[in-house]
Amino acid sequence: KGLIERIGLNDSISTVKYDDKSDS
């Protein structure tokens, strides 16, 4: 699962979570 935030703004953030891991 994941979340992409601040689309259309500077410094957007993409986060991915799987197998108890998290990457942003």
mmCIF file of all heavy atoms, coordinates in Angstrom:
data_MODEL
# 
_entry.id   MODEL 
# 
loop_
_atom_site.group_PDB 
_atom_site.id 
_atom_site.type_symbol 
_atom_site.label_atom_id 
_atom_site.label_alt_id 
_atom_site.label_comp_id 
_atom_site.label_asym_id 
_atom_site.label_entity_id 
_atom_site.label_seq_id 
_atom_site.pdbx_PDB_ins_code 
_atom_site.Cartn_x 
_atom_site.Cartn_y 
_atom_site.Cartn_z 
_atom_site.occupancy 
_atom_site.B_iso_or_equiv 
_atom_site.pdbx_formal_charge 
_atom_site.auth_seq_id 
_atom_site.auth_comp_id 
_atom_site.auth_asym_id 
_atom_site.auth_atom_id 
_atom_site.pdbx_PDB_model_num 
ATOM 1   N N   . LYS A 1 1  ? 0.863  -1.186 0.000  1.00 0.00 ? 1  LYS A N   1 
ATOM 2   C CA  . LYS A 1 1  ? 0.000  0.000  0.000  1.00 0.00 ? 1  LYS A CA  1 
ATOM 3   C C   . LYS A 1 1  ? 0.895  1.229  0.000  1.00 0.00 ? 1  LYS A C   1 
ATOM 4   O O   . LYS A 1 1  ? 2.080  1.153  0.361  1.00 0.00 ? 1  LYS A O   1 
ATOM 5   C CB  . LYS A 1 1  ? -0.947 -0.002 1.193  1.00 0.00 ? 1  LYS A CB  1 
ATOM 6   C CG  . LYS A 1 1  ? -0.274 -0.035 2.543  1.00 0.00 ? 1  LYS A CG  1 
ATOM 7   C CD  . LYS A 1 1  ? -1.287 -0.034 3.692  1.00 0.00 ? 1  LYS A CD  1 
ATOM 8   C CE  . LYS A 1 1  ? -2.051 -1.324 3.781  1.00 0.00 ? 1  LYS A CE  1 
ATOM 9   N NZ  . LYS A 1 1  ? -2.959 -1.368 4.965  1.00 0.00 ? 1  LYS A NZ  1 
ATOM 10  N N   . GLY A 1 2  ? 0.325  2.347  -0.422 1.00 0.00 ? 2  GLY A N   1 
ATOM 11  C CA  . GLY A 1 2  ? 1.151  3.545  -0.468 1.00 0.00 ? 2  GLY A CA  1 
ATOM 12  C C   . GLY A 1 2  ? 0.330  4.813  -0.567 1.00 0.00 ? 2  GLY A C   1 
ATOM 13  O O   . GLY A 1 2  ? -0.897 4.784  -0.725 1.00 0.00 ? 2  GLY A O   1 
ATOM 14  N N   . LEU A 1 3  ? 1.047  5.922  -0.458 1.00 0.00 ? 3  LEU A N   1 
ATOM 15  C CA  . LEU A 1 3  ? 0.425  7.238  -0.511 1.00 0.00 ? 3  LEU A CA  1 
ATOM 16  C C   . LEU A 1 3  ? 1.372  8.204  -1.193 1.00 0.00 ? 3  LEU A C   1 
ATOM 17  O O   . LEU A 1 3  ? 2.557  8.270  -0.864 1.00 0.00 ? 3  LEU A O   1 
ATOM 18  C CB  . LEU A 1 3  ? 0.112  7.729  0.909  1.00 0.00 ? 3  LEU A CB  1 
ATOM 19  C CG  . LEU A 1 3  ? -0.433 9.153  1.053  1.00 0.00 ? 3  LEU A CG  1 
ATOM 20  C CD1 . LEU A 1 3  ? -1.793 9.281  0.391  1.00 0.00 ? 3  LEU A CD1 1 
ATOM 21  C CD2 . LEU A 1 3  ? -0.507 9.560  2.529  1.00 0.00 ? 3  LEU A CD2 1 
ATOM 22  N N   . ILE A 1 4  ? 0.834  8.930  -2.178 1.00 0.00 ? 4  ILE A N   1 
ATOM 23  C CA  . ILE A 1 4  ? 1.584  10.010 -2.821 1.00 0.00 ? 4  ILE A CA  1 
ATOM 24  C C   . ILE A 1 4  ? 0.914  11.320 -2.418 1.00 0.00 ? 4  ILE A C   1 
ATOM 25  O O   . ILE A 1 4  ? -0.274 11.519 -2.664 1.00 0.00 ? 4  ILE A O   1 
ATOM 26  C CB  . ILE A 1 4  ? 1.620  9.843  -4.349 1.00 0.00 ? 4  ILE A CB  1 
ATOM 27  C CG1 . ILE A 1 4  ? 2.302  8.513  -4.704 1.00 0.00 ? 4  ILE A CG1 1 
ATOM 28  C CG2 . ILE A 1 4  ? 2.348  11.009 -5.009 1.00 0.00 ? 4  ILE A CG2 1 
ATOM 29  C CD1 . ILE A 1 4  ? 2.282  8.166  -6.180 1.00 0.00 ? 4  ILE A CD1 1 
ATOM 30  N N   . GLU A 1 5  ? 1.680  12.210 -1.778 1.00 0.00 ? 5  GLU A N   1 
ATOM 31  C CA  . GLU A 1 5  ? 1.139  13.459 -1.243 1.00 0.00 ? 5  GLU A CA  1 
ATOM 32  C C   . GLU A 1 5  ? 1.747  14.670 -1.952 1.00 0.00 ? 5  GLU A C   1 
ATOM 33  O O   . GLU A 1 5  ? 2.800  14.582 -2.556 1.00 0.00 ? 5  GLU A O   1 
ATOM 34  C CB  . GLU A 1 5  ? 1.451  13.566 0.257  1.00 0.00 ? 5  GLU A CB  1 
ATOM 35  C CG  . GLU A 1 5  ? 0.937  12.418 1.093  1.00 0.00 ? 5  GLU A CG  1 
ATOM 36  C CD  . GLU A 1 5  ? 1.490  12.439 2.499  1.00 0.00 ? 5  GLU A CD  1 
ATOM 37  O OE1 . GLU A 1 5  ? 0.874  13.099 3.357  1.00 0.00 ? 5  GLU A OE1 1 
ATOM 38  O OE2 . GLU A 1 5  ? 2.527  11.799 2.741  1.00 0.00 ? 5  GLU A OE2 1 
ATOM 39  N N   . ARG A 1 6  ? 1.051  15.785 -1.851 1.00 0.00 ? 6  ARG A N   1 
ATOM 40  C CA  . ARG A 1 6  ? 1.531  17.081 -2.371 1.00 0.00 ? 6  ARG A CA  1 
ATOM 41  C C   . ARG A 1 6  ? 1.713  17.056 -3.890 1.00 0.00 ? 6  ARG A C   1 
ATOM 42  O O   . ARG A 1 6  ? 2.642  17.644 -4.430 1.00 0.00 ? 6  ARG A O   1 
ATOM 43  C CB  . ARG A 1 6  ? 2.835  17.489 -1.671 1.00 0.00 ? 6  ARG A CB  1 
ATOM 44  C CG  . ARG A 1 6  ? 2.675  17.792 -0.192 1.00 0.00 ? 6  ARG A CG  1 
ATOM 45  C CD  . ARG A 1 6  ? 4.008  18.079 0.491  1.00 0.00 ? 6  ARG A CD  1 
ATOM 46  N NE  . ARG A 1 6  ? 4.717  19.167 -0.158 1.00 0.00 ? 6  ARG A NE  1 
ATOM 47  C CZ  . ARG A 1 6  ? 4.527  20.470 0.075  1.00 0.00 ? 6  ARG A CZ  1 
ATOM 48  N NH1 . ARG A 1 6  ? 3.615  20.851 0.958  1.00 0.00 ? 6  ARG A NH1 1 
ATOM 49  N NH2 . ARG A 1 6  ? 5.240  21.391 -0.554 1.00 0.00 ? 6  ARG A NH2 1 
ATOM 50  N N   . ILE A 1 7  ? 0.806  16.376 -4.599 1.00 0.00 ? 7  ILE A N   1 
ATOM 51  C CA  . ILE A 1 7  ? 0.847  16.393 -6.068 1.00 0.00 ? 7  ILE A CA  1 
ATOM 52  C C   . ILE A 1 7  ? 0.579  17.822 -6.539 1.00 0.00 ? 7  ILE A C   1 
ATOM 53  O O   . ILE A 1 7  ? -0.354 18.478 -6.081 1.00 0.00 ? 7  ILE A O   1 
ATOM 54  C CB  . ILE A 1 7  ? -0.204 15.430 -6.658 1.00 0.00 ? 7  ILE A CB  1 
ATOM 55  C CG1 . ILE A 1 7  ? 0.096  13.987 -6.229 1.00 0.00 ? 7  ILE A CG1 1 
ATOM 56  C CG2 . ILE A 1 7  ? -0.246 15.528 -8.188 1.00 0.00 ? 7  ILE A CG2 1 
ATOM 57  C CD1 . ILE A 1 7  ? -1.006 12.992 -6.568 1.00 0.00 ? 7  ILE A CD1 1 
ATOM 58  N N   . GLY A 1 8  ? 1.409  18.298 -7.455 1.00 0.00 ? 8  GLY A N   1 
ATOM 59  C CA  . GLY A 1 8  ? 1.263  19.658 -7.968 1.00 0.00 ? 8  GLY A CA  1 
ATOM 60  C C   . GLY A 1 8  ? 2.018  20.692 -7.159 1.00 0.00 ? 8  GLY A C   1 
ATOM 61  O O   . GLY A 1 8  ? 2.026  21.877 -7.511 1.00 0.00 ? 8  GLY A O   1 
ATOM 62  N N   . LEU A 1 9  ? 2.665  20.264 -6.071 1.00 0.00 ? 9  LEU A N   1 
ATOM 63  C CA  . LEU A 1 9  ? 3.447  21.170 -5.226 1.00 0.00 ? 9  LEU A CA  1 
ATOM 64  C C   . LEU A 1 9  ? 4.906  20.720 -5.226 1.00 0.00 ? 9  LEU A C   1 
ATOM 65  O O   . LEU A 1 9  ? 5.232  19.605 -5.638 1.00 0.00 ? 9  LEU A O   1 
ATOM 66  C CB  . LEU A 1 9  ? 2.912  21.154 -3.786 1.00 0.00 ? 9  LEU A CB  1 
ATOM 67  C CG  . LEU A 1 9  ? 1.437  21.511 -3.600 1.00 0.00 ? 9  LEU A CG  1 
ATOM 68  C CD1 . LEU A 1 9  ? 1.002  21.225 -2.177 1.00 0.00 ? 9  LEU A CD1 1 
ATOM 69  C CD2 . LEU A 1 9  ? 1.185  22.969 -3.956 1.00 0.00 ? 9  LEU A CD2 1 
ATOM 70  N N   . ASN A 1 10 ? 5.783  21.581 -4.755 1.00 0.00 ? 10 ASN A N   1 
ATOM 71  C CA  . ASN A 1 10 ? 7.179  21.181 -4.589 1.00 0.00 ? 10 ASN A CA  1 
ATOM 72  C C   . ASN A 1 10 ? 7.297  20.162 -3.459 1.00 0.00 ? 10 ASN A C   1 
ATOM 73  O O   . ASN A 1 10 ? 6.471  20.134 -2.547 1.00 0.00 ? 10 ASN A O   1 
ATOM 74  C CB  . ASN A 1 10 ? 8.052  22.403 -4.274 1.00 0.00 ? 10 ASN A CB  1 
ATOM 75  C CG  . ASN A 1 10 ? 8.094  23.377 -5.431 1.00 0.00 ? 10 ASN A CG  1 
ATOM 76  O OD1 . ASN A 1 10 ? 7.952  22.991 -6.591 1.00 0.00 ? 10 ASN A OD1 1 
ATOM 77  N ND2 . ASN A 1 10 ? 8.289  24.652 -5.132 1.00 0.00 ? 10 ASN A ND2 1 
ATOM 78  N N   . ASP A 1 11 ? 8.342  19.356 -3.527 1.00 0.00 ? 11 ASP A N   1 
ATOM 79  C CA  . ASP A 1 11 ? 8.634  18.376 -2.472 1.00 0.00 ? 11 ASP A CA  1 
ATOM 80  C C   . ASP A 1 11 ? 7.464  17.421 -2.231 1.00 0.00 ? 11 ASP A C   1 
ATOM 81  O O   . ASP A 1 11 ? 7.014  17.221 -1.094 1.00 0.00 ? 11 ASP A O   1 
ATOM 82  C CB  . ASP A 1 11 ? 9.012  19.080 -1.158 1.00 0.00 ? 11 ASP A CB  1 
ATOM 83  C CG  . ASP A 1 11 ? 10.254 19.953 -1.312 1.00 0.00 ? 11 ASP A CG  1 
ATOM 84  O OD1 . ASP A 1 11 ? 11.131 19.587 -2.105 1.00 0.00 ? 11 ASP A OD1 1 
ATOM 85  O OD2 . ASP A 1 11 ? 10.327 20.994 -0.632 1.00 0.00 ? 11 ASP A OD2 1 
ATOM 86  N N   . SER A 1 12 ? 6.963  16.829 -3.312 1.00 0.00 ? 12 SER A N   1 
ATOM 87  C CA  . SER A 1 12 ? 5.950  15.780 -3.174 1.00 0.00 ? 12 SER A CA  1 
ATOM 88  C C   . SER A 1 12 ? 6.579  14.569 -2.494 1.00 0.00 ? 12 SER A C   1 
ATOM 89  O O   . SER A 1 12 ? 7.793  14.356 -2.559 1.00 0.00 ? 12 SER A O   1 
ATOM 90  C CB  . SER A 1 12 ? 5.421  15.379 -4.554 1.00 0.00 ? 12 SER A CB  1 
ATOM 91  O OG  . SER A 1 12 ? 5.087  16.515 -5.323 1.00 0.00 ? 12 SER A OG  1 
ATOM 92  N N   . ILE A 1 13 ? 5.747  13.770 -1.824 1.00 0.00 ? 13 ILE A N   1 
ATOM 93  C CA  . ILE A 1 13 ? 6.250  12.618 -1.071 1.00 0.00 ? 13 ILE A CA  1 
ATOM 94  C C   . ILE A 1 13 ? 5.535  11.356 -1.542 1.00 0.00 ? 13 ILE A C   1 
ATOM 95  O O   . ILE A 1 13 ? 4.300  11.314 -1.592 1.00 0.00 ? 13 ILE A O   1 
ATOM 96  C CB  . ILE A 1 13 ? 6.013  12.789 0.447  1.00 0.00 ? 13 ILE A CB  1 
ATOM 97  C CG1 . ILE A 1 13 ? 6.657  14.087 0.941  1.00 0.00 ? 13 ILE A CG1 1 
ATOM 98  C CG2 . ILE A 1 13 ? 6.564  11.594 1.224  1.00 0.00 ? 13 ILE A CG2 1 
ATOM 99  C CD1 . ILE A 1 13 ? 6.151  14.530 2.296  1.00 0.00 ? 13 ILE A CD1 1 
ATOM 100 N N   . SER A 1 14 ? 6.319  10.333 -1.886 1.00 0.00 ? 14 SER A N   1 
ATOM 101 C CA  . SER A 1 14 ? 5.761  9.027  -2.249 1.00 0.00 ? 14 SER A CA  1 
ATOM 102 C C   . SER A 1 14 ? 6.221  8.004  -1.220 1.00 0.00 ? 14 SER A C   1 
ATOM 103 O O   . SER A 1 14 ? 7.417  7.824  -1.003 1.00 0.00 ? 14 SER A O   1 
ATOM 104 C CB  . SER A 1 14 ? 6.226  8.609  -3.648 1.00 0.00 ? 14 SER A CB  1 
ATOM 105 O OG  . SER A 1 14 ? 5.752  7.315  -3.941 1.00 0.00 ? 14 SER A OG  1 
ATOM 106 N N   . THR A 1 15 ? 5.252  7.338  -0.586 1.00 0.00 ? 15 THR A N   1 
ATOM 107 C CA  . THR A 1 15 ? 5.550  6.336  0.445  1.00 0.00 ? 15 THR A CA  1 
ATOM 108 C C   . THR A 1 15 ? 4.990  4.985  0.023  1.00 0.00 ? 15 THR A C   1 
ATOM 109 O O   . THR A 1 15 ? 3.841  4.897  -0.420 1.00 0.00 ? 15 THR A O   1 
ATOM 110 C CB  . THR A 1 15 ? 4.933  6.740  1.797  1.00 0.00 ? 15 THR A CB  1 
ATOM 111 O OG1 . THR A 1 15 ? 5.405  8.040  2.152  1.00 0.00 ? 15 THR A OG1 1 
ATOM 112 C CG2 . THR A 1 15 ? 5.306  5.758  2.898  1.00 0.00 ? 15 THR A CG2 1 
ATOM 113 N N   . VAL A 1 16 ? 5.803  3.934  0.160  1.00 0.00 ? 16 VAL A N   1 
ATOM 114 C CA  . VAL A 1 16 ? 5.398  2.563  -0.153 1.00 0.00 ? 16 VAL A CA  1 
ATOM 115 C C   . VAL A 1 16 ? 5.609  1.704  1.090  1.00 0.00 ? 16 VAL A C   1 
ATOM 116 O O   . VAL A 1 16 ? 6.664  1.780  1.734  1.00 0.00 ? 16 VAL A O   1 
ATOM 117 C CB  . VAL A 1 16 ? 6.232  1.978  -1.317 1.00 0.00 ? 16 VAL A CB  1 
ATOM 118 C CG1 . VAL A 1 16 ? 5.766  0.562  -1.647 1.00 0.00 ? 16 VAL A CG1 1 
ATOM 119 C CG2 . VAL A 1 16 ? 6.138  2.865  -2.546 1.00 0.00 ? 16 VAL A CG2 1 
ATOM 120 N N   . LYS A 1 17 ? 4.592  0.888  1.438  1.00 0.00 ? 17 LYS A N   1 
ATOM 121 C CA  . LYS A 1 17 ? 4.710  -0.020 2.583  1.00 0.00 ? 17 LYS A CA  1 
ATOM 122 C C   . LYS A 1 17 ? 4.403  -1.441 2.129  1.00 0.00 ? 17 LYS A C   1 
ATOM 123 O O   . LYS A 1 17 ? 3.388  -1.675 1.469  1.00 0.00 ? 17 LYS A O   1 
ATOM 124 C CB  . LYS A 1 17 ? 3.743  0.394  3.695  1.00 0.00 ? 17 LYS A CB  1 
ATOM 125 C CG  . LYS A 1 17 ? 4.061  1.743  4.315  1.00 0.00 ? 17 LYS A CG  1 
ATOM 126 C CD  . LYS A 1 17 ? 3.081  2.109  5.415  1.00 0.00 ? 17 LYS A CD  1 
ATOM 127 C CE  . LYS A 1 17 ? 3.425  3.468  6.038  1.00 0.00 ? 17 LYS A CE  1 
ATOM 128 N NZ  . LYS A 1 17 ? 2.479  3.853  7.091  1.00 0.00 ? 17 LYS A NZ  1 
ATOM 129 N N   . TYR A 1 18 ? 5.305  -2.380 2.487  1.00 0.00 ? 18 TYR A N   1 
ATOM 130 C CA  . TYR A 1 18 ? 5.111  -3.793 2.148  1.00 0.00 ? 18 TYR A CA  1 
ATOM 131 C C   . TYR A 1 18 ? 5.996  -4.643 3.047  1.00 0.00 ? 18 TYR A C   1 
ATOM 132 O O   . TYR A 1 18 ? 7.086  -4.213 3.452  1.00 0.00 ? 18 TYR A O   1 
ATOM 133 C CB  . TYR A 1 18 ? 5.451  -4.042 0.674  1.00 0.00 ? 18 TYR A CB  1 
ATOM 134 C CG  . TYR A 1 18 ? 6.910  -3.818 0.337  1.00 0.00 ? 18 TYR A CG  1 
ATOM 135 C CD1 . TYR A 1 18 ? 7.797  -4.890 0.227  1.00 0.00 ? 18 TYR A CD1 1 
ATOM 136 C CD2 . TYR A 1 18 ? 7.411  -2.530 0.156  1.00 0.00 ? 18 TYR A CD2 1 
ATOM 137 C CE1 . TYR A 1 18 ? 9.138  -4.681 -0.058 1.00 0.00 ? 18 TYR A CE1 1 
ATOM 138 C CE2 . TYR A 1 18 ? 8.757  -2.315 -0.132 1.00 0.00 ? 18 TYR A CE2 1 
ATOM 139 C CZ  . TYR A 1 18 ? 9.609  -3.398 -0.232 1.00 0.00 ? 18 TYR A CZ  1 
ATOM 140 O OH  . TYR A 1 18 ? 10.936 -3.195 -0.499 1.00 0.00 ? 18 TYR A OH  1 
ATOM 141 N N   . ASP A 1 19 ? 5.530  -5.846 3.393  1.00 0.00 ? 19 ASP A N   1 
ATOM 142 C CA  . ASP A 1 19 ? 6.322  -6.792 4.202  1.00 0.00 ? 19 ASP A CA  1 
ATOM 143 C C   . ASP A 1 19 ? 6.955  -6.125 5.426  1.00 0.00 ? 19 ASP A C   1 
ATOM 144 O O   . ASP A 1 19 ? 8.139  -6.326 5.717  1.00 0.00 ? 19 ASP A O   1 
ATOM 145 C CB  . ASP A 1 19 ? 7.437  -7.429 3.355  1.00 0.00 ? 19 ASP A CB  1 
ATOM 146 C CG  . ASP A 1 19 ? 6.906  -8.316 2.254  1.00 0.00 ? 19 ASP A CG  1 
ATOM 147 O OD1 . ASP A 1 19 ? 5.736  -8.737 2.356  1.00 0.00 ? 19 ASP A OD1 1 
ATOM 148 O OD2 . ASP A 1 19 ? 7.650  -8.582 1.297  1.00 0.00 ? 19 ASP A OD2 1 
ATOM 149 N N   . ASP A 1 20 ? 6.192  -5.299 6.135  1.00 0.00 ? 20 ASP A N   1 
ATOM 150 C CA  . ASP A 1 20 ? 6.696  -4.597 7.331  1.00 0.00 ? 20 ASP A CA  1 
ATOM 151 C C   . ASP A 1 20 ? 7.827  -3.626 7.013  1.00 0.00 ? 20 ASP A C   1 
ATOM 152 O O   . ASP A 1 20 ? 8.570  -3.209 7.910  1.00 0.00 ? 20 ASP A O   1 
ATOM 153 C CB  . ASP A 1 20 ? 7.155  -5.584 8.408  1.00 0.00 ? 20 ASP A CB  1 
ATOM 154 C CG  . ASP A 1 20 ? 6.003  -6.436 8.937  1.00 0.00 ? 20 ASP A CG  1 
ATOM 155 O OD1 . ASP A 1 20 ? 4.889  -5.888 9.061  1.00 0.00 ? 20 ASP A OD1 1 
ATOM 156 O OD2 . ASP A 1 20 ? 6.222  -7.627 9.210  1.00 0.00 ? 20 ASP A OD2 1 
ATOM 157 N N   . LYS A 1 21 ? 8.007  -3.287 5.741  1.00 0.00 ? 21 LYS A N   1 
ATOM 158 C CA  . LYS A 1 21 ? 9.005  -2.290 5.352  1.00 0.00 ? 21 LYS A CA  1 
ATOM 159 C C   . LYS A 1 21 ? 8.287  -1.020 4.900  1.00 0.00 ? 21 LYS A C   1 
ATOM 160 O O   . LYS A 1 21 ? 7.133  -1.055 4.488  1.00 0.00 ? 21 LYS A O   1 
ATOM 161 C CB  . LYS A 1 21 ? 9.875  -2.813 4.200  1.00 0.00 ? 21 LYS A CB  1 
ATOM 162 C CG  . LYS A 1 21 ? 10.636 -4.076 4.506  1.00 0.00 ? 21 LYS A CG  1 
ATOM 163 C CD  . LYS A 1 21 ? 11.314 -4.589 3.244  1.00 0.00 ? 21 LYS A CD  1 
ATOM 164 C CE  . LYS A 1 21 ? 11.856 -6.000 3.444  1.00 0.00 ? 21 LYS A CE  1 
ATOM 165 N NZ  . LYS A 1 21 ? 12.249 -6.622 2.184  1.00 0.00 ? 21 LYS A NZ  1 
ATOM 166 N N   . SER A 1 22 ? 8.993  0.092  4.982  1.00 0.00 ? 22 SER A N   1 
ATOM 167 C CA  . SER A 1 22 ? 8.449  1.365  4.514  1.00 0.00 ? 22 SER A CA  1 
ATOM 168 C C   . SER A 1 22 ? 9.546  2.152  3.815  1.00 0.00 ? 22 SER A C   1 
ATOM 169 O O   . SER A 1 22 ? 10.674 2.226  4.300  1.00 0.00 ? 22 SER A O   1 
ATOM 170 C CB  . SER A 1 22 ? 7.894  2.170  5.693  1.00 0.00 ? 22 SER A CB  1 
ATOM 171 O OG  . SER A 1 22 ? 7.329  3.386  5.249  1.00 0.00 ? 22 SER A OG  1 
ATOM 172 N N   . ASP A 1 23 ? 9.208  2.716  2.648  1.00 0.00 ? 23 ASP A N   1 
ATOM 173 C CA  . ASP A 1 23 ? 10.181 3.488  1.882  1.00 0.00 ? 23 ASP A CA  1 
ATOM 174 C C   . ASP A 1 23 ? 9.526  4.780  1.404  1.00 0.00 ? 23 ASP A C   1 
ATOM 175 O O   . ASP A 1 23 ? 8.428  4.751  0.845  1.00 0.00 ? 23 ASP A O   1 
ATOM 176 C CB  . ASP A 1 23 ? 10.676 2.671  0.681  1.00 0.00 ? 23 ASP A CB  1 
ATOM 177 C CG  . ASP A 1 23 ? 11.672 3.447  -0.159 1.00 0.00 ? 23 ASP A CG  1 
ATOM 178 O OD1 . ASP A 1 23 ? 12.828 3.589  0.272  1.00 0.00 ? 23 ASP A OD1 1 
ATOM 179 O OD2 . ASP A 1 23 ? 11.284 3.941  -1.251 1.00 0.00 ? 23 ASP A OD2 1 
ATOM 180 N N   . SER A 1 24 ? 10.177 5.910  1.650  1.00 0.00 ? 24 SER A N   1 
ATOM 181 C CA  . SER A 1 24 ? 9.655  7.206  1.201  1.00 0.00 ? 24 SER A CA  1 
ATOM 182 C C   . SER A 1 24 ? 10.697 7.929  0.368  1.00 0.00 ? 24 SER A C   1 
ATOM 183 O O   . SER A 1 24 ? 11.900 7.803  0.611  1.00 0.00 ? 24 SER A O   1 
ATOM 184 C CB  . SER A 1 24 ? 9.282  8.088  2.396  1.00 0.00 ? 24 SER A CB  1 
ATOM 185 O OG  . SER A 1 24 ? 8.145  7.597  3.049  1.00 0.00 ? 24 SER A OG  1 
# 
